[in-house]
Amino acid sequence: MTTYSAPPRRIGRLKRPFGDLYYEMTGSGPALLFAHGLGGNHLSWWQQVAHFAARYTCVSFAHRGFAPSDPIAGGPDAADYLGDLEALVEHLGFDDVRLVGQSMGGWTVLEYALAHPEKVKALVLSATSGTLDRRGCDRSGGGRYDFWAKEAESKVSAGLARGIHPAMGMPAAERHPALHLLYVTIDEMAGSLDKEKVRASLRRIAQRTPGELKDFRVPTLLIAGGEDVVFPPFLASDIAASLPCGEAELIPQAGHSPYFEEPDRFNRLLESFLARQP
């Protein structure tokens, strides 16, 4: 006889100037918000929500322009993501939050934490440097980044030739073909969204330097996948070393989506990090 009871769940649509921002809230406890990457939406975090909803109020949302949030004529501008997250946190009435951002979602959560450090109890950047300039984060002066970028471009091309999504990579797709198929399916839910335009807006605003965060004291965990061909995994430790309260963890066998590919390891790291914060 099972004793399991499903956690409380609420679905909502927040009115914003562009239209509706879709979100889901599951569980109870301190607020834990998840911001997805360019290849995802609110569903991307299914393995985290199921794990953490027993102890946290888990909130996942779809960035503006990403279904089931409303589409935007001409596509979304990543510079508007901060305002959407600010409005969502205010709408839900959270006094404090814990933020997890994957890739593109790192832009959203890092900017929120910089704007509202007093509200953010913990920040997790997964496979992302957020609005930091990537090359500028390379403690070797850029040489290591340039070498990685050349190698990664070759690996991405080889993967695409085999139908492999770069955000998972070939090793993860071979180990978990069902997960790869699910990732691609979620990615395709964006429909006609011009993701190249979104990428351009992300590059445009990723201009911060590590020096700008020298007084940033929000506890921050950077998680990287050793097989990532989208984000240089070594930058996680480089960035963490530049932060007063930064730390980094590497999941060697993961690609660009460690939360999706290796959820057990990712969840353990996240759980341990959150437990150490006041």
Protein backbone atom coordinates (compact mmCIF):
# COMPACT_ATOMS: atom_id res chain seq x y z
CA MET A 1 0.00 0.00 0.00
CA THR A 2 1.47 3.32 -1.05
CA THR A 3 1.74 6.24 1.35
CA TYR A 4 2.64 8.78 -1.32
CA SER A 5 0.62 11.97 -1.56
CA ALA A 6 1.19 14.31 -4.49
CA PRO A 7 2.36 17.79 -3.47
CA PRO A 8 0.02 20.74 -3.90
CA ARG A 9 0.21 22.25 -7.37
CA ARG A 10 -0.98 25.47 -8.92
CA ILE A 11 -0.87 26.69 -12.51
CA GLY A 12 -1.02 30.38 -13.30
CA ARG A 13 -0.63 33.03 -15.96
CA LEU A 14 0.79 36.39 -14.93
CA LYS A 15 -0.31 39.38 -16.98
CA ARG A 16 2.68 41.29 -18.37
CA PRO A 17 2.94 44.09 -20.97
CA PHE A 18 3.87 41.54 -23.67
CA GLY A 19 1.04 39.13 -22.72
CA ASP A 20 0.85 36.22 -20.26
CA LEU A 21 3.81 34.66 -18.46
CA TYR A 22 3.06 31.00 -17.70
CA TYR A 23 4.19 29.45 -14.43
CA GLU A 24 3.65 26.38 -12.26
CA MET A 25 4.03 26.22 -8.48
CA THR A 26 4.45 22.82 -6.82
CA GLY A 27 5.07 21.82 -3.22
CA SER A 28 5.39 23.81 -0.02
CA GLY A 29 8.18 25.42 1.95
CA PRO A 30 10.83 28.00 1.07
CA ALA A 31 10.66 29.37 -2.47
CA LEU A 32 12.87 27.65 -5.06
CA LEU A 33 12.61 29.12 -8.58
CA PHE A 34 13.91 27.53 -11.78
CA ALA A 35 14.73 29.47 -14.97
CA HIS A 36 15.13 27.35 -18.12
CA GLY A 37 17.55 27.64 -21.00
CA LEU A 38 17.09 28.39 -24.69
CA GLY A 39 16.19 24.78 -25.46
CA GLY A 40 13.61 24.45 -22.73
CA ASN A 41 10.54 25.74 -20.96
CA HIS A 42 8.92 25.14 -17.57
CA LEU A 43 8.83 21.38 -18.24
CA SER A 44 12.62 21.18 -18.37
CA TRP A 45 12.76 20.98 -14.58
CA TRP A 46 10.49 17.96 -14.11
CA GLN A 47 13.22 15.94 -12.41
CA GLN A 48 14.00 18.77 -9.99
CA VAL A 49 10.41 19.71 -9.16
CA ALA A 50 9.54 16.09 -8.35
CA HIS A 51 12.57 15.84 -6.07
CA PHE A 52 12.34 19.14 -4.21
CA ALA A 53 8.58 19.73 -3.94
CA ALA A 54 8.40 17.85 -0.63
CA ARG A 55 10.57 20.51 1.03
CA TYR A 56 10.32 23.61 -1.15
CA THR A 57 7.75 25.61 -3.04
CA CYS A 58 9.09 24.93 -6.54
CA VAL A 59 8.28 27.49 -9.22
CA SER A 60 9.04 26.83 -12.88
CA PHE A 61 8.01 29.23 -15.61
CA ALA A 62 8.33 29.71 -19.34
CA HIS A 63 10.31 32.78 -20.35
CA ARG A 64 8.43 35.31 -22.46
CA GLY A 65 8.03 34.09 -26.02
CA PHE A 66 8.48 30.44 -24.98
CA ALA A 67 5.27 28.39 -25.01
CA PRO A 68 3.04 28.18 -23.09
CA SER A 69 3.84 31.82 -22.26
CA ASP A 70 2.47 34.11 -24.94
CA PRO A 71 4.47 34.65 -28.15
CA ILE A 72 5.98 38.04 -28.91
CA ALA A 73 5.99 39.65 -32.33
CA GLY A 74 9.60 39.77 -33.44
CA GLY A 75 10.69 37.50 -30.60
CA PRO A 76 11.70 38.22 -27.00
CA ASP A 77 14.59 40.40 -25.86
CA ALA A 78 16.59 38.80 -23.04
CA ALA A 79 16.96 42.24 -21.46
CA ASP A 80 13.29 41.96 -20.46
CA TYR A 81 13.70 38.70 -18.53
CA LEU A 82 14.67 40.44 -15.29
CA GLY A 83 11.45 42.45 -15.19
CA ASP A 84 9.40 39.32 -15.71
CA LEU A 85 11.09 37.51 -12.83
CA GLU A 86 10.72 40.55 -10.58
CA ALA A 87 7.00 40.67 -11.38
CA LEU A 88 6.59 36.93 -10.79
CA VAL A 89 8.31 36.99 -7.38
CA GLU A 90 6.20 39.97 -6.35
CA HIS A 91 3.02 38.35 -7.66
CA LEU A 92 3.67 35.18 -5.66
CA GLY A 93 4.44 37.17 -2.52
CA PHE A 94 7.82 35.62 -1.70
CA ASP A 95 9.92 37.44 0.90
CA ASP A 96 13.02 35.54 -0.17
CA VAL A 97 13.96 33.14 -2.95
CA ARG A 98 16.48 30.54 -4.05
CA LEU A 99 17.24 30.77 -7.75
CA VAL A 100 18.45 28.14 -10.23
CA GLY A 101 19.24 29.16 -13.79
CA GLN A 102 20.25 26.89 -16.65
CA SER A 103 22.23 28.41 -19.55
CA MET A 104 19.99 31.27 -20.81
CA GLY A 105 18.18 31.21 -17.47
CA GLY A 106 21.46 32.28 -15.91
CA TRP A 107 20.99 35.71 -17.47
CA THR A 108 17.65 35.99 -15.69
CA VAL A 109 18.64 34.80 -12.23
CA LEU A 110 22.04 36.50 -12.05
CA GLU A 111 20.54 39.87 -12.94
CA TYR A 112 17.79 39.34 -10.37
CA ALA A 113 20.34 38.48 -7.68
CA LEU A 114 22.42 41.54 -8.53
CA ALA A 115 19.35 43.78 -8.39
CA HIS A 116 17.89 42.20 -5.22
CA PRO A 117 20.71 40.56 -3.23
CA GLU A 118 18.78 41.00 0.00
CA LYS A 119 16.02 38.68 -1.27
CA VAL A 120 18.21 35.91 -2.71
CA LYS A 121 19.25 33.25 -0.21
CA ALA A 122 21.10 31.13 -2.78
CA LEU A 123 21.98 31.32 -6.47
CA VAL A 124 22.80 28.37 -8.71
CA LEU A 125 24.21 28.85 -12.21
CA SER A 126 24.07 25.66 -14.26
CA ALA A 127 26.24 25.59 -17.39
CA THR A 128 26.21 29.37 -17.59
CA SER A 129 28.09 32.55 -16.84
CA GLY A 130 24.89 34.56 -17.07
CA THR A 131 25.48 38.17 -18.05
CA LEU A 132 29.22 37.88 -17.50
CA ASP A 133 31.37 38.07 -20.62
CA ARG A 134 32.61 34.50 -21.05
CA ARG A 135 36.02 35.21 -22.48
CA GLY A 136 36.60 37.82 -19.81
CA CYS A 137 36.03 35.17 -17.14
CA ASP A 138 38.88 33.01 -18.43
CA ARG A 139 41.63 33.39 -15.85
CA SER A 140 44.21 32.42 -18.48
CA GLY A 141 43.46 35.67 -20.32
CA GLY A 142 41.28 34.13 -23.01
CA GLY A 143 43.64 31.57 -24.48
CA ARG A 144 42.00 28.60 -22.85
CA TYR A 145 38.57 29.85 -23.91
CA ASP A 146 39.67 30.27 -27.54
CA PHE A 147 41.10 26.75 -27.65
CA TRP A 148 37.94 25.29 -26.13
CA ALA A 149 35.69 27.21 -28.54
CA LYS A 150 37.50 25.78 -31.58
CA GLU A 151 37.27 22.23 -30.26
CA ALA A 152 33.62 22.66 -29.26
CA GLU A 153 32.63 23.91 -32.70
CA SER A 154 33.99 20.73 -34.24
CA LYS A 155 32.14 18.55 -31.72
CA VAL A 156 28.86 20.40 -32.28
CA SER A 157 29.12 19.87 -36.04
CA ALA A 158 29.83 16.17 -35.57
CA GLY A 159 26.85 15.83 -33.25
CA LEU A 160 24.46 17.68 -35.54
CA ALA A 161 25.46 15.37 -38.38
CA ARG A 162 24.15 12.51 -36.23
CA GLY A 163 21.00 14.33 -35.15
CA ILE A 164 22.30 15.05 -31.65
CA HIS A 165 21.14 18.22 -29.89
CA PRO A 166 24.17 20.30 -28.81
CA ALA A 167 22.56 21.04 -25.46
CA MET A 168 22.94 17.38 -24.51
CA GLY A 169 25.85 16.23 -26.60
CA MET A 170 26.78 12.86 -28.03
CA PRO A 171 27.93 11.03 -24.87
CA ALA A 172 24.73 11.86 -22.97
CA ALA A 173 22.50 11.07 -25.95
CA GLU A 174 24.13 7.66 -26.34
CA ARG A 175 23.68 6.87 -22.65
CA HIS A 176 20.15 8.23 -22.41
CA PRO A 177 18.42 8.16 -25.83
CA ALA A 178 14.97 8.51 -24.25
CA LEU A 179 16.05 11.64 -22.38
CA HIS A 180 17.56 13.03 -25.57
CA LEU A 181 14.27 12.51 -27.38
CA LEU A 182 12.38 14.22 -24.56
CA TYR A 183 14.80 17.15 -24.57
CA VAL A 184 14.35 17.63 -28.31
CA THR A 185 10.57 17.41 -27.93
CA ILE A 186 10.55 20.11 -25.26
CA ASP A 187 12.82 22.27 -27.39
CA GLU A 188 10.45 21.96 -30.35
CA MET A 189 7.57 23.31 -28.25
CA ALA A 190 9.00 26.78 -28.88
CA GLY A 191 7.62 26.47 -32.41
CA SER A 192 8.57 29.34 -34.71
CA LEU A 193 10.46 31.30 -32.04
CA ASP A 194 13.56 32.87 -33.62
CA LYS A 195 16.21 31.50 -31.29
CA GLU A 196 19.05 33.12 -33.22
CA LYS A 197 17.56 36.49 -32.38
CA VAL A 198 17.36 35.47 -28.73
CA ARG A 199 21.01 34.39 -28.84
CA ALA A 200 21.95 37.77 -30.29
CA SER A 201 20.21 39.57 -27.43
CA LEU A 202 21.95 37.32 -24.91
CA ARG A 203 25.35 38.13 -26.41
CA ARG A 204 24.54 41.83 -26.45
CA ILE A 205 23.91 42.03 -22.72
CA ALA A 206 26.61 39.59 -21.56
CA GLN A 207 29.11 42.36 -20.90
CA ARG A 208 29.75 42.19 -17.17
CA THR A 209 33.24 41.53 -15.84
CA PRO A 210 34.11 39.41 -12.79
CA GLY A 211 35.37 42.58 -11.11
CA GLU A 212 31.83 43.94 -11.03
CA LEU A 213 30.89 41.08 -8.70
CA LYS A 214 33.74 41.53 -6.22
CA ASP A 215 31.27 42.62 -3.53
CA PHE A 216 28.50 40.21 -4.53
CA ARG A 217 27.91 38.13 -1.40
CA VAL A 218 24.96 35.98 -2.39
CA PRO A 219 26.02 32.33 -1.91
CA THR A 220 26.56 31.10 -5.46
CA LEU A 221 27.09 27.60 -6.82
CA LEU A 222 28.21 27.04 -10.39
CA ILE A 223 27.62 23.57 -11.83
CA ALA A 224 29.23 22.47 -15.09
CA GLY A 225 29.20 19.37 -17.26
CA GLY A 226 32.56 18.00 -18.29
CA GLU A 227 31.28 17.10 -21.78
CA ASP A 228 29.67 20.51 -22.43
CA VAL A 229 30.15 21.89 -25.95
CA VAL A 230 28.09 25.06 -25.37
CA PHE A 231 29.53 26.44 -22.13
CA PRO A 232 33.24 26.00 -21.24
CA PRO A 233 33.14 23.83 -18.11
CA PHE A 234 36.37 25.25 -16.71
CA LEU A 235 34.75 28.68 -16.45
CA ALA A 236 32.62 27.46 -13.54
CA SER A 237 35.63 27.24 -11.25
CA ASP A 238 37.17 30.41 -12.72
CA ILE A 239 34.03 32.41 -11.97
CA ALA A 240 33.55 30.85 -8.54
CA ALA A 241 37.10 31.83 -7.61
CA SER A 242 36.30 35.46 -8.40
CA LEU A 243 33.21 35.56 -6.15
CA PRO A 244 33.35 36.21 -2.39
CA CYS A 245 30.84 33.40 -1.77
CA GLY A 246 31.30 31.27 -4.87
CA GLU A 247 31.88 27.56 -5.30
CA ALA A 248 31.91 25.21 -8.27
CA GLU A 249 31.10 21.59 -8.98
CA LEU A 250 31.83 19.52 -12.08
CA ILE A 251 29.71 16.59 -13.28
CA PRO A 252 32.28 14.97 -15.60
CA GLN A 253 29.92 12.79 -17.64
CA ALA A 254 27.31 15.52 -18.29
CA GLY A 255 26.99 17.76 -21.32
CA HIS A 256 25.37 21.20 -21.43
CA SER A 257 22.30 20.11 -19.43
CA PRO A 258 23.56 18.42 -16.25
CA TYR A 259 20.21 18.98 -14.50
CA PHE A 260 18.47 17.01 -17.28
CA GLU A 261 21.13 14.40 -18.09
CA GLU A 262 22.37 13.54 -14.60
CA PRO A 263 19.50 14.60 -12.32
CA ASP A 264 20.47 12.47 -9.32
CA ARG A 265 23.94 13.98 -9.10
CA PHE A 266 22.63 17.47 -9.88
CA ASN A 267 19.90 17.23 -7.25
CA ARG A 268 22.33 16.03 -4.60
CA LEU A 269 24.62 18.97 -5.28
CA LEU A 270 21.73 21.41 -5.19
CA GLU A 271 20.26 19.86 -2.05
CA SER A 272 23.56 20.00 -0.21
CA PHE A 273 24.19 23.59 -1.27
CA LEU A 274 20.74 24.77 -0.20
CA ALA A 275 21.03 22.99 3.15
CA ARG A 276 24.19 24.95 3.95
CA GLN A 277 22.54 28.33 3.48
CA PRO A 278 20.86 30.15 6.39
